[in-house]
Structures are given as C-alpha cells and as structure tokens.
Amino acid sequence: MSDPSEARISELEREIAQLQMKSTGAQARLQDLQSELIGLRGEQGVNISWQRVQLARHPKRPHSLDYIQRIMPDFTEIHGDRAFGEDPAIVTGFGTLIGGHQAMIIGQQKGRDTKQKLFRNFGMPKPEGYRKAMRVMELASKFRRPIINFLDTPGAYPGIDAEERGQAEAIAHNLREMARLEVPVIVVVIGEGGSGGALALGIGNRVFMLENAIYSVISPESCAAIIYRDSTKGELAASALKITAADLMRLGLIDGIIPEPPGGAQDDHDRAADFLLTSLTGTLDELANFSPEQLIEDRCQKFRRMGNFFTE
C-alpha cells in the first residue's frame, strides 16, 4: 500500500507545476503549496537556497544543446563574430520549435566531460562570443524572428586575452542593443546565471527561470570571500543573496518560474524540455500581438521598474 504522504507530495508537485506555468497571479497560493511540500519532504531548517545552487551546478543537469535538440530538431548553428573568431561557449542558430514557431536561439554552453568543458571554456564567454550573439540577434530582428536566450554561465571569462579584446565593452554594447531589438526576446535562466556574463544576454521582454536555477550578480563563494572574508561560507551568502527563482519572482525581477521534474531537471531531460517548450510556446503566442514599438517600450519599462530613483 502506498504512503499517503507520497501521494500528497505528488499532488502538490503537480499543482505547483501548473501554478509556476503562470507568469502572474496565484503567488500566495504557490508559496503556501511550496511551504507544505517542504514540510512533507522534511526540509525544514535546510538552506533551500544552497540546495538550489547545488542543483543549478549539477554535473548531469541539461545544458543549452540538450534542450535545443529536444525542442528544435532542425536547429542550424551559426558561427563566428566576423571580427575575431568563434567562441564555443555560446551556441547560436535558427530553426523551428516543435509546434511551428520559427525562432533564433542563443545559449551559453558549459560542456559535459573534461574535454568538452575545456572546449567550451566552462561556459564562460569571451568578447567574440557576445559579439557573435549580437550579430545573430540583429539578423533575427532583420528577418522578424523571435529570439530565445538560454543563460547558463558562472560569468564572463576574466582572462587577460578577453580583457584585451574588450570584454566590458562587448557586454555593455549588448545591453544597449538588446533594448532596441524590434522582435520578441525571451530569456530563460536554465542553470547558473552569473553576473554580467549572463546579463549580457538577459535583456528580454520576458525573463523566466527554471525552478532550480539561480541568477545573481556574484557567486555565493565570491560574495562570502568579500563580505565574510571566508569563501567557505558560500552557503550563508547564498541565502542572503536571494538568488533562487522564488526569491527573484517575489522581488519582481523575473516574470515566471518554469517547473522541473521531481528531483530536478537532471533526472529527466525529456520532461524538463517539455515544460520549457510549453512555456516558450505560450509566451511566443502572447508576444506575437505586440508591434515592434510596443516590444521595445515593454522591454524598457520592464527594466526601469526594477530600480528606485530619487531626485532632489
């Protein structure tokens, strides 16, 4: 005979998944259900923020190409920035989503084994990667194709060669130009959204996070090294930084949370991709009704609402 608590956990997970599909409303109900789920799982007193950090970095967690091959079977990759070279840390290309939406996809790619990680530079893009991404986004705007960006990086590469080629300028240029794009831009944090390296692809009309993703200006370990003078206190910093999807949703910094299979996306790549595709399809249908001018205004107003400004 099955455990009644297990049945209730499954019921809660299904209802939470349905509520997380919605970008607005039902947040009070969602928080109540999540609290009950934490209680049933025996997670009281556990640092949930640090658990999310570990799941976002899980070695088997699906990366951009894992999602792309499942939601866009005809994906055709585009290489190079036409200025310096190719950056494998960012994958770009176009195709048709399952369901019929044509789109341009840009994703940060970490790599799976040691060889791939070295090839992808551990998902840390260099200036040519951001310039390639911007070239592709301008191409998408020219041909009126919506843009989908997957964020999954510990941060932009801080090496000397990247600095010599204008890392900061490349990121700043993307921030400005993405605000001006005349097509829908959807951003999804699929794993670790770290610092300006993620934000350089993060200016969208809709910004979503997977349930176990994190999004922060700094890694918990680096924050702990600065604030507490001890990098081993990353668990404490993770809680203070408010880097989880639920935290950022409450703060109004993202538009929605995309659910993951029970246990995390690393346990079922196919189902995680199905959740992602459902969210993308619904959002593309919504943004299809916006004119180019409305898309730009919507994007600008979205980010203006995130800060408080005082004038004397």
C-alpha atoms as a PDB file:
ATOM      1  CA  MET A   1       0.000   0.000   0.000  1.00  0.00           C
ATOM      2  CA  SER A   2       1.407   3.398  -0.966  1.00  0.00           C
ATOM      3  CA  ASP A   3       2.302   6.039   1.633  1.00  0.00           C
ATOM      4  CA  PRO A   4      -0.391   8.792   1.846  1.00  0.00           C
ATOM      5  CA  SER A   5       2.352  11.402   2.226  1.00  0.00           C
ATOM      6  CA  GLU A   6       3.922  10.278  -1.066  1.00  0.00           C
ATOM      7  CA  ALA A   7       0.571  10.696  -2.806  1.00  0.00           C
ATOM      8  CA  ARG A   8       0.214  14.177  -1.312  1.00  0.00           C
ATOM      9  CA  ILE A   9       3.747  15.094  -2.412  1.00  0.00           C
ATOM     10  CA  SER A  10       2.935  14.060  -5.996  1.00  0.00           C
ATOM     11  CA  GLU A  11      -0.321  16.027  -5.869  1.00  0.00           C
ATOM     12  CA  LEU A  12       1.500  19.124  -4.560  1.00  0.00           C
ATOM     13  CA  GLU A  13       4.209  18.855  -7.222  1.00  0.00           C
ATOM     14  CA  ARG A  14       1.604  18.721  -9.991  1.00  0.00           C
ATOM     15  CA  GLU A  15      -0.299  21.741  -8.669  1.00  0.00           C
ATOM     16  CA  ILE A  16       2.919  23.728  -8.123  1.00  0.00           C
ATOM     17  CA  ALA A  17       3.991  22.939 -11.690  1.00  0.00           C
ATOM     18  CA  GLN A  18       0.668  24.223 -13.027  1.00  0.00           C
ATOM     19  CA  LEU A  19       0.902  27.442 -10.983  1.00  0.00           C
ATOM     20  CA  GLN A  20       4.527  28.018 -11.985  1.00  0.00           C
ATOM     21  CA  MET A  21       3.485  27.981 -15.631  1.00  0.00           C
ATOM     22  CA  LYS A  22       1.626  31.224 -14.947  1.00  0.00           C
ATOM     23  CA  SER A  23       3.735  34.386 -15.088  1.00  0.00           C
ATOM     24  CA  THR A  24       1.272  36.384 -12.990  1.00  0.00           C
ATOM     25  CA  GLY A  25      -1.134  35.779 -10.147  1.00  0.00           C
ATOM     26  CA  ALA A  26      -1.563  32.859  -7.772  1.00  0.00           C
ATOM     27  CA  GLN A  27       1.708  33.644  -6.000  1.00  0.00           C
ATOM     28  CA  ALA A  28       0.233  33.454  -2.495  1.00  0.00           C
ATOM     29  CA  ARG A  29      -1.213  30.017  -3.249  1.00  0.00           C
ATOM     30  CA  LEU A  30       2.096  28.949  -4.773  1.00  0.00           C
ATOM     31  CA  GLN A  31       4.055  29.937  -1.660  1.00  0.00           C
ATOM     32  CA  ASP A  32       1.601  28.047   0.579  1.00  0.00           C
ATOM     33  CA  LEU A  33       1.956  24.894  -1.504  1.00  0.00           C
ATOM     34  CA  GLN A  34       5.748  25.152  -1.575  1.00  0.00           C
ATOM     35  CA  SER A  35       5.824  25.533   2.220  1.00  0.00           C
ATOM     36  CA  GLU A  36       3.663  22.439   2.639  1.00  0.00           C
ATOM     37  CA  LEU A  37       5.860  20.500   0.220  1.00  0.00           C
ATOM     38  CA  ILE A  38       8.996  21.461   2.149  1.00  0.00           C
ATOM     39  CA  GLY A  39       7.337  20.205   5.328  1.00  0.00           C
ATOM     40  CA  LEU A  40       6.354  16.860   3.805  1.00  0.00           C
ATOM     41  CA  ARG A  41       9.843  16.347   2.397  1.00  0.00           C
ATOM     42  CA  GLY A  42      11.364  17.067   5.807  1.00  0.00           C
ATOM     43  CA  GLU A  43      13.308  20.071   4.547  1.00  0.00           C
ATOM     44  CA  GLN A  44      12.617  22.448   7.452  1.00  0.00           C
ATOM     45  CA  GLY A  45      15.836  24.025   8.632  1.00  0.00           C
ATOM     46  CA  VAL A  46      17.595  23.160   5.387  1.00  0.00           C
ATOM     47  CA  ASN A  47      19.163  26.010   3.400  1.00  0.00           C
ATOM     48  CA  ILE A  48      16.980  25.759   0.302  1.00  0.00           C
ATOM     49  CA  SER A  49      18.993  28.476  -1.463  1.00  0.00           C
ATOM     50  CA  TRP A  50      22.163  26.406  -1.167  1.00  0.00           C
ATOM     51  CA  GLN A  51      20.302  23.321  -2.377  1.00  0.00           C
ATOM     52  CA  ARG A  52      19.256  25.271  -5.479  1.00  0.00           C
ATOM     53  CA  VAL A  53      22.869  26.298  -6.058  1.00  0.00           C
ATOM     54  CA  GLN A  54      23.953  22.657  -5.980  1.00  0.00           C
ATOM     55  CA  LEU A  55      21.161  21.627  -8.359  1.00  0.00           C
ATOM     56  CA  ALA A  56      21.913  24.502 -10.755  1.00  0.00           C
ATOM     57  CA  ARG A  57      25.516  23.239 -10.945  1.00  0.00           C
ATOM     58  CA  HIS A  58      24.654  19.526 -11.054  1.00  0.00           C
ATOM     59  CA  PRO A  59      27.033  17.750 -13.481  1.00  0.00           C
ATOM     60  CA  LYS A  60      24.135  15.932 -15.175  1.00  0.00           C
ATOM     61  CA  ARG A  61      21.905  18.988 -15.482  1.00  0.00           C
ATOM     62  CA  PRO A  62      20.789  19.617 -19.081  1.00  0.00           C
ATOM     63  CA  HIS A  63      22.659  22.384 -20.866  1.00  0.00           C
ATOM     64  CA  SER A  64      21.587  24.559 -23.791  1.00  0.00           C
ATOM     65  CA  LEU A  65      22.284  21.986 -26.503  1.00  0.00           C
ATOM     66  CA  ASP A  66      20.397  19.309 -24.549  1.00  0.00           C
ATOM     67  CA  TYR A  67      17.291  21.498 -24.631  1.00  0.00           C
ATOM     68  CA  ILE A  68      17.816  22.699 -28.200  1.00  0.00           C
ATOM     69  CA  GLN A  69      17.986  19.194 -29.682  1.00  0.00           C
ATOM     70  CA  ARG A  70      14.728  18.321 -27.921  1.00  0.00           C
ATOM     71  CA  ILE A  71      12.667  21.426 -28.728  1.00  0.00           C
ATOM     72  CA  MET A  72      14.166  22.441 -32.113  1.00  0.00           C
ATOM     73  CA  PRO A  73      15.035  19.354 -34.190  1.00  0.00           C
ATOM     74  CA  ASP A  74      16.083  21.350 -37.288  1.00  0.00           C
ATOM     75  CA  PHE A  75      18.469  23.679 -35.413  1.00  0.00           C
ATOM     76  CA  THR A  76      21.128  25.106 -37.742  1.00  0.00           C
ATOM     77  CA  GLU A  77      24.136  26.590 -35.965  1.00  0.00           C
ATOM     78  CA  ILE A  78      25.777  29.910 -36.883  1.00  0.00           C
ATOM     79  CA  HIS A  79      29.449  30.507 -36.081  1.00  0.00           C
ATOM     80  CA  GLY A  80      31.784  33.463 -35.659  1.00  0.00           C
ATOM     81  CA  ASP A  81      31.531  37.162 -34.898  1.00  0.00           C
ATOM     82  CA  ARG A  82      33.017  38.309 -38.240  1.00  0.00           C
ATOM     83  CA  ALA A  83      35.634  40.266 -36.315  1.00  0.00           C
ATOM     84  CA  PHE A  84      37.908  37.914 -34.372  1.00  0.00           C
ATOM     85  CA  GLY A  85      36.687  34.321 -34.358  1.00  0.00           C
ATOM     86  CA  GLU A  86      34.428  31.661 -32.934  1.00  0.00           C
ATOM     87  CA  ASP A  87      33.536  31.229 -29.259  1.00  0.00           C
ATOM     88  CA  PRO A  88      32.203  27.739 -28.413  1.00  0.00           C
ATOM     89  CA  ALA A  89      30.968  28.969 -25.006  1.00  0.00           C
ATOM     90  CA  ILE A  90      27.958  30.470 -26.816  1.00  0.00           C
ATOM     91  CA  VAL A  91      25.878  28.434 -29.260  1.00  0.00           C
ATOM     92  CA  THR A  92      23.732  30.325 -31.767  1.00  0.00           C
ATOM     93  CA  GLY A  93      21.427  29.283 -34.570  1.00  0.00           C
ATOM     94  CA  PHE A  94      17.921  29.223 -36.002  1.00  0.00           C
ATOM     95  CA  GLY A  95      15.186  26.707 -36.633  1.00  0.00           C
ATOM     96  CA  THR A  96      11.578  25.799 -35.868  1.00  0.00           C
ATOM     97  CA  LEU A  97      10.321  24.895 -32.416  1.00  0.00           C
ATOM     98  CA  ILE A  98       8.163  21.803 -32.095  1.00  0.00           C
ATOM     99  CA  GLY A  99       4.724  23.313 -32.600  1.00  0.00           C
ATOM    100  CA  GLY A 100       5.640  25.572 -35.504  1.00  0.00           C
ATOM    101  CA  HIS A 101       7.257  28.743 -34.122  1.00  0.00           C
ATOM    102  CA  GLN A 102      10.343  29.829 -36.066  1.00  0.00           C
ATOM    103  CA  ALA A 103      12.964  31.366 -33.792  1.00  0.00           C
ATOM    104  CA  MET A 104      16.604  32.207 -33.223  1.00  0.00           C
ATOM    105  CA  ILE A 105      18.163  30.504 -30.202  1.00  0.00           C
ATOM    106  CA  ILE A 106      21.273  31.639 -28.343  1.00  0.00           C
ATOM    107  CA  GLY A 107      22.557  29.530 -25.477  1.00  0.00           C
ATOM    108  CA  GLN A 108      25.557  29.505 -23.168  1.00  0.00           C
ATOM    109  CA  GLN A 109      27.089  26.025 -23.179  1.00  0.00           C
ATOM    110  CA  LYS A 110      29.232  24.632 -20.344  1.00  0.00           C
ATOM    111  CA  GLY A 111      30.189  21.215 -21.649  1.00  0.00           C
ATOM    112  CA  ARG A 112      29.735  17.801 -20.048  1.00  0.00           C
ATOM    113  CA  ASP A 113      33.086  15.985 -19.696  1.00  0.00           C
ATOM    114  CA  THR A 114      36.574  17.428 -19.209  1.00  0.00           C
ATOM    115  CA  LYS A 115      37.309  17.679 -22.942  1.00  0.00           C
ATOM    116  CA  GLN A 116      34.021  19.475 -23.638  1.00  0.00           C
ATOM    117  CA  LYS A 117      34.444  21.782 -20.653  1.00  0.00           C
ATOM    118  CA  LEU A 118      37.844  22.890 -21.904  1.00  0.00           C
ATOM    119  CA  PHE A 119      36.487  23.344 -25.427  1.00  0.00           C
ATOM    120  CA  ARG A 120      33.524  25.390 -24.134  1.00  0.00           C
ATOM    121  CA  ASN A 121      35.752  27.272 -21.644  1.00  0.00           C
ATOM    122  CA  PHE A 122      33.480  26.053 -18.822  1.00  0.00           C
ATOM    123  CA  GLY A 123      30.642  28.145 -20.251  1.00  0.00           C
ATOM    124  CA  MET A 124      32.484  31.443 -19.739  1.00  0.00           C
ATOM    125  CA  PRO A 125      32.147  33.504 -22.953  1.00  0.00           C
ATOM    126  CA  LYS A 126      34.795  35.826 -24.341  1.00  0.00           C
ATOM    127  CA  PRO A 127      34.079  39.090 -26.219  1.00  0.00           C
ATOM    128  CA  GLU A 128      33.801  37.319 -29.569  1.00  0.00           C
ATOM    129  CA  GLY A 129      31.012  35.165 -28.099  1.00  0.00           C
ATOM    130  CA  TYR A 130      28.945  38.176 -27.086  1.00  0.00           C
ATOM    131  CA  ARG A 131      29.618  39.851 -30.442  1.00  0.00           C
ATOM    132  CA  LYS A 132      28.561  36.681 -32.250  1.00  0.00           C
ATOM    133  CA  ALA A 133      25.364  36.623 -30.190  1.00  0.00           C
ATOM    134  CA  MET A 134      24.647  40.266 -31.020  1.00  0.00           C
ATOM    135  CA  ARG A 135      25.278  39.652 -34.722  1.00  0.00           C
ATOM    136  CA  VAL A 136      22.788  36.796 -34.674  1.00  0.00           C
ATOM    137  CA  MET A 137      20.201  38.820 -32.742  1.00  0.00           C
ATOM    138  CA  GLU A 138      20.431  41.625 -35.306  1.00  0.00           C
ATOM    139  CA  LEU A 139      19.978  39.017 -38.037  1.00  0.00           C
ATOM    140  CA  ALA A 140      16.876  37.709 -36.269  1.00  0.00           C
ATOM    141  CA  SER A 141      15.496  41.241 -35.970  1.00  0.00           C
ATOM    142  CA  LYS A 142      16.083  41.836 -39.687  1.00  0.00           C
ATOM    143  CA  PHE A 143      14.091  38.737 -40.634  1.00  0.00           C
ATOM    144  CA  ARG A 144      11.455  39.212 -37.909  1.00  0.00           C
ATOM    145  CA  ARG A 145      12.307  36.065 -35.960  1.00  0.00           C
ATOM    146  CA  PRO A 146      11.754  35.977 -32.181  1.00  0.00           C
ATOM    147  CA  ILE A 147      14.865  35.454 -30.062  1.00  0.00           C
ATOM    148  CA  ILE A 148      15.233  32.894 -27.259  1.00  0.00           C
ATOM    149  CA  ASN A 149      18.260  33.148 -24.963  1.00  0.00           C
ATOM    150  CA  PHE A 150      19.355  30.426 -22.550  1.00  0.00           C
ATOM    151  CA  LEU A 151      21.548  31.642 -19.679  1.00  0.00           C
ATOM    152  CA  ASP A 152      23.925  29.160 -18.052  1.00  0.00           C
ATOM    153  CA  THR A 153      27.312  30.569 -17.068  1.00  0.00           C
ATOM    154  CA  PRO A 154      29.334  31.232 -13.923  1.00  0.00           C
ATOM    155  CA  GLY A 155      30.237  34.574 -15.533  1.00  0.00           C
ATOM    156  CA  ALA A 156      32.084  36.152 -18.432  1.00  0.00           C
ATOM    157  CA  TYR A 157      35.670  34.941 -18.873  1.00  0.00           C
ATOM    158  CA  PRO A 158      38.007  37.182 -16.810  1.00  0.00           C
ATOM    159  CA  GLY A 159      41.247  36.284 -18.607  1.00  0.00           C
ATOM    160  CA  ILE A 160      43.773  38.775 -19.954  1.00  0.00           C
ATOM    161  CA  ASP A 161      43.019  37.885 -23.581  1.00  0.00           C
ATOM    162  CA  ALA A 162      39.318  38.622 -23.061  1.00  0.00           C
ATOM    163  CA  GLU A 163      40.103  41.950 -21.429  1.00  0.00           C
ATOM    164  CA  GLU A 164      42.450  42.856 -24.270  1.00  0.00           C
ATOM    165  CA  ARG A 165      39.665  42.272 -26.791  1.00  0.00           C
ATOM    166  CA  GLY A 166      37.163  44.434 -24.909  1.00  0.00           C
ATOM    167  CA  GLN A 167      35.118  42.183 -22.631  1.00  0.00           C
ATOM    168  CA  ALA A 168      33.387  45.023 -20.769  1.00  0.00           C
ATOM    169  CA  GLU A 169      32.636  46.936 -23.975  1.00  0.00           C
ATOM    170  CA  ALA A 170      31.144  43.841 -25.620  1.00  0.00           C
ATOM    171  CA  ILE A 171      28.811  43.250 -22.663  1.00  0.00           C
ATOM    172  CA  ALA A 172      27.794  46.917 -22.470  1.00  0.00           C
ATOM    173  CA  HIS A 173      27.146  47.007 -26.223  1.00  0.00           C
ATOM    174  CA  ASN A 174      24.822  44.000 -25.939  1.00  0.00           C
ATOM    175  CA  LEU A 175      22.885  45.597 -23.084  1.00  0.00           C
ATOM    176  CA  ARG A 176      22.214  48.702 -25.152  1.00  0.00           C
ATOM    177  CA  GLU A 177      21.438  46.991 -28.433  1.00  0.00           C
ATOM    178  CA  MET A 178      19.194  44.287 -26.968  1.00  0.00           C
ATOM    179  CA  ALA A 179      16.950  47.007 -25.573  1.00  0.00           C
ATOM    180  CA  ARG A 180      16.393  48.239 -29.161  1.00  0.00           C
ATOM    181  CA  LEU A 181      15.535  44.951 -30.878  1.00  0.00           C
ATOM    182  CA  GLU A 182      12.210  45.044 -32.734  1.00  0.00           C
ATOM    183  CA  VAL A 183      11.300  41.383 -32.190  1.00  0.00           C
ATOM    184  CA  PRO A 184      10.197  39.434 -29.103  1.00  0.00           C
ATOM    185  CA  VAL A 185      13.072  38.438 -26.804  1.00  0.00           C
ATOM    186  CA  ILE A 186      12.560  35.631 -24.288  1.00  0.00           C
ATOM    187  CA  VAL A 187      15.254  34.890 -21.721  1.00  0.00           C
ATOM    188  CA  VAL A 188      15.412  31.673 -19.688  1.00  0.00           C
ATOM    189  CA  VAL A 189      17.926  31.006 -16.924  1.00  0.00           C
ATOM    190  CA  ILE A 190      18.368  27.234 -17.282  1.00  0.00           C
ATOM    191  CA  GLY A 191      21.155  26.745 -14.747  1.00  0.00           C
ATOM    192  CA  GLU A 192      23.637  29.192 -13.307  1.00  0.00           C
ATOM    193  CA  GLY A 193      23.030  32.815 -14.313  1.00  0.00           C
ATOM    194  CA  GLY A 194      26.197  34.510 -13.158  1.00  0.00           C
ATOM    195  CA  SER A 195      26.970  38.235 -13.145  1.00  0.00           C
ATOM    196  CA  GLY A 196      27.298  40.393 -16.264  1.00  0.00           C
ATOM    197  CA  GLY A 197      28.223  37.316 -18.246  1.00  0.00           C
ATOM    198  CA  ALA A 198      24.585  36.235 -18.028  1.00  0.00           C
ATOM    199  CA  LEU A 199      23.053  39.707 -18.105  1.00  0.00           C
ATOM    200  CA  ALA A 200      24.761  40.387 -21.458  1.00  0.00           C
ATOM    201  CA  LEU A 201      22.135  38.078 -22.966  1.00  0.00           C
ATOM    202  CA  GLY A 202      19.448  38.824 -20.404  1.00  0.00           C
ATOM    203  CA  ILE A 203      17.560  41.887 -21.685  1.00  0.00           C
ATOM    204  CA  GLY A 204      14.231  40.390 -22.693  1.00  0.00           C
ATOM    205  CA  ASN A 205      10.526  41.103 -22.843  1.00  0.00           C
ATOM    206  CA  ARG A 206      10.032  38.067 -20.632  1.00  0.00           C
ATOM    207  CA  VAL A 207      12.634  36.620 -18.282  1.00  0.00           C
ATOM    208  CA  PHE A 208      11.998  33.167 -16.830  1.00  0.00           C
ATOM    209  CA  MET A 209      13.947  30.841 -14.586  1.00  0.00           C
ATOM    210  CA  LEU A 210      13.812  27.095 -14.277  1.00  0.00           C
ATOM    211  CA  GLU A 211      12.694  26.014 -10.828  1.00  0.00           C
ATOM    212  CA  ASN A 212      16.203  25.080  -9.635  1.00  0.00           C
ATOM    213  CA  ALA A 213      18.174  27.747 -11.487  1.00  0.00           C
ATOM    214  CA  ILE A 214      19.988  30.635  -9.807  1.00  0.00           C
ATOM    215  CA  TYR A 215      20.563  34.210 -11.019  1.00  0.00           C
ATOM    216  CA  SER A 216      22.942  36.547  -9.228  1.00  0.00           C
ATOM    217  CA  VAL A 217      25.400  39.407  -9.599  1.00  0.00           C
ATOM    218  CA  ILE A 218      28.079  37.264  -7.923  1.00  0.00           C
ATOM    219  CA  SER A 219      28.617  33.635  -6.946  1.00  0.00           C
ATOM    220  CA  PRO A 220      27.900  32.739  -3.302  1.00  0.00           C
ATOM    221  CA  GLU A 221      31.543  31.765  -2.743  1.00  0.00           C
ATOM    222  CA  SER A 222      32.892  35.053  -4.122  1.00  0.00           C
ATOM    223  CA  CYS A 223      30.326  37.008  -2.111  1.00  0.00           C
ATOM    224  CA  ALA A 224      31.351  35.157   1.056  1.00  0.00           C
ATOM    225  CA  ALA A 225      35.010  35.913   0.369  1.00  0.00           C
ATOM    226  CA  ILE A 226      34.197  39.636   0.160  1.00  0.00           C
ATOM    227  CA  ILE A 227      31.583  40.005   2.902  1.00  0.00           C
ATOM    228  CA  TYR A 228      32.655  37.363   5.419  1.00  0.00           C
ATOM    229  CA  ARG A 229      36.342  37.141   4.432  1.00  0.00           C
ATOM    230  CA  ASP A 230      35.795  33.399   4.093  1.00  0.00           C
ATOM    231  CA  SER A 231      34.869  31.725   0.788  1.00  0.00           C
ATOM    232  CA  THR A 232      33.752  28.568   2.630  1.00  0.00           C
ATOM    233  CA  LYS A 233      30.696  30.475   3.885  1.00  0.00           C
ATOM    234  CA  GLY A 234      29.054  30.292   0.457  1.00  0.00           C
ATOM    235  CA  GLU A 235      26.031  28.554   1.953  1.00  0.00           C
ATOM    236  CA  LEU A 236      25.370  31.542   4.218  1.00  0.00           C
ATOM    237  CA  ALA A 237      25.873  34.000   1.348  1.00  0.00           C
ATOM    238  CA  ALA A 238      23.519  32.061  -0.932  1.00  0.00           C
ATOM    239  CA  SER A 239      20.653  32.640   1.486  1.00  0.00           C
ATOM    240  CA  ALA A 240      21.440  36.345   1.865  1.00  0.00           C
ATOM    241  CA  LEU A 241      21.786  36.983  -1.877  1.00  0.00           C
ATOM    242  CA  LYS A 242      18.195  35.919  -2.739  1.00  0.00           C
ATOM    243  CA  ILE A 243      19.295  34.140  -5.901  1.00  0.00           C
ATOM    244  CA  THR A 244      16.611  31.484  -6.328  1.00  0.00           C
ATOM    245  CA  ALA A 245      13.710  31.644  -8.748  1.00  0.00           C
ATOM    246  CA  ALA A 246      11.194  32.012  -5.921  1.00  0.00           C
ATOM    247  CA  ASP A 247      13.190  34.893  -4.382  1.00  0.00           C
ATOM    248  CA  LEU A 248      13.510  36.768  -7.674  1.00  0.00           C
ATOM    249  CA  MET A 249       9.856  36.204  -8.510  1.00  0.00           C
ATOM    250  CA  ARG A 250       8.837  37.806  -5.209  1.00  0.00           C
ATOM    251  CA  LEU A 251      11.157  40.748  -5.901  1.00  0.00           C
ATOM    252  CA  GLY A 252       9.643  41.276  -9.351  1.00  0.00           C
ATOM    253  CA  LEU A 253      12.904  40.662 -11.205  1.00  0.00           C
ATOM    254  CA  ILE A 254      11.647  37.751 -13.301  1.00  0.00           C
ATOM    255  CA  ASP A 255       8.316  37.062 -14.972  1.00  0.00           C
ATOM    256  CA  GLY A 256       7.789  33.405 -14.213  1.00  0.00           C
ATOM    257  CA  ILE A 257       9.149  30.092 -12.980  1.00  0.00           C
ATOM    258  CA  ILE A 258       9.291  27.076 -15.278  1.00  0.00           C
ATOM    259  CA  PRO A 259       8.827  23.840 -13.308  1.00  0.00           C
ATOM    260  CA  GLU A 260      11.246  20.942 -13.381  1.00  0.00           C
ATOM    261  CA  PRO A 261      10.573  17.216 -12.941  1.00  0.00           C
ATOM    262  CA  PRO A 262      10.575  15.969  -9.327  1.00  0.00           C
ATOM    263  CA  GLY A 263      14.162  15.884  -8.089  1.00  0.00           C
ATOM    264  CA  GLY A 264      15.396  18.325 -10.718  1.00  0.00           C
ATOM    265  CA  ALA A 265      15.912  18.596 -14.476  1.00  0.00           C
ATOM    266  CA  GLN A 266      18.993  16.348 -14.275  1.00  0.00           C
ATOM    267  CA  ASP A 267      16.741  13.346 -13.557  1.00  0.00           C
ATOM    268  CA  ASP A 268      14.562  13.664 -16.675  1.00  0.00           C
ATOM    269  CA  HIS A 269      15.891  15.773 -19.557  1.00  0.00           C
ATOM    270  CA  ASP A 270      12.938  14.999 -21.832  1.00  0.00           C
ATOM    271  CA  ARG A 271      10.283  16.083 -19.354  1.00  0.00           C
ATOM    272  CA  ALA A 272      12.249  19.207 -18.438  1.00  0.00           C
ATOM    273  CA  ALA A 273      12.381  20.100 -22.134  1.00  0.00           C
ATOM    274  CA  ASP A 274       8.603  19.575 -22.415  1.00  0.00           C
ATOM    275  CA  PHE A 275       7.995  22.042 -19.571  1.00  0.00           C
ATOM    276  CA  LEU A 276      10.343  24.537 -21.225  1.00  0.00           C
ATOM    277  CA  LEU A 277       8.718  24.179 -24.648  1.00  0.00           C
ATOM    278  CA  THR A 278       5.234  24.688 -23.197  1.00  0.00           C
ATOM    279  CA  SER A 279       6.299  27.932 -21.537  1.00  0.00           C
ATOM    280  CA  LEU A 280       8.108  29.218 -24.639  1.00  0.00           C
ATOM    281  CA  THR A 281       5.188  28.448 -26.933  1.00  0.00           C
ATOM    282  CA  GLY A 282       2.673  30.246 -24.728  1.00  0.00           C
ATOM    283  CA  THR A 283       4.916  33.283 -24.365  1.00  0.00           C
ATOM    284  CA  LEU A 284       5.586  33.499 -28.112  1.00  0.00           C
ATOM    285  CA  ASP A 285       1.841  33.407 -28.753  1.00  0.00           C
ATOM    286  CA  GLU A 286       1.388  36.262 -26.276  1.00  0.00           C
ATOM    287  CA  LEU A 287       4.186  38.459 -27.673  1.00  0.00           C
ATOM    288  CA  ALA A 288       3.100  37.896 -31.282  1.00  0.00           C
ATOM    289  CA  ASN A 289       0.390  40.505 -30.721  1.00  0.00           C
ATOM    290  CA  PHE A 290       2.921  43.259 -29.923  1.00  0.00           C
ATOM    291  CA  SER A 291       4.118  45.759 -32.533  1.00  0.00           C
ATOM    292  CA  PRO A 292       7.895  46.479 -32.777  1.00  0.00           C
ATOM    293  CA  GLU A 293       7.358  49.765 -30.945  1.00  0.00           C
ATOM    294  CA  GLN A 294       5.388  48.046 -28.193  1.00  0.00           C
ATOM    295  CA  LEU A 295       8.064  45.375 -27.781  1.00  0.00           C
ATOM    296  CA  ILE A 296      10.783  47.990 -27.290  1.00  0.00           C
ATOM    297  CA  GLU A 297       8.671  50.003 -24.865  1.00  0.00           C
ATOM    298  CA  ASP A 298       7.653  46.884 -22.958  1.00  0.00           C
ATOM    299  CA  ARG A 299      11.301  45.845 -22.598  1.00  0.00           C
ATOM    300  CA  CYS A 300      12.468  49.279 -21.466  1.00  0.00           C
ATOM    301  CA  GLN A 301       9.668  49.728 -18.944  1.00  0.00           C
ATOM    302  CA  LYS A 302      10.289  46.263 -17.542  1.00  0.00           C
ATOM    303  CA  PHE A 303      13.848  47.095 -16.523  1.00  0.00           C
ATOM    304  CA  ARG A 304      13.072  50.642 -15.440  1.00  0.00           C
ATOM    305  CA  ARG A 305      10.643  49.246 -12.866  1.00  0.00           C
ATOM    306  CA  MET A 306      13.423  47.264 -11.219  1.00  0.00           C
ATOM    307  CA  GLY A 307      15.172  50.273  -9.634  1.00  0.00           C
ATOM    308  CA  ASN A 308      14.228  53.085  -7.306  1.00  0.00           C
ATOM    309  CA  PHE A 309      15.333  56.573  -8.235  1.00  0.00           C
ATOM    310  CA  PHE A 310      15.272  59.663  -6.067  1.00  0.00           C
ATOM    311  CA  THR A 311      15.634  63.246  -7.239  1.00  0.00           C
ATOM    312  CA  GLU A 312      16.119  66.329  -5.127  1.00  0.00           C
END
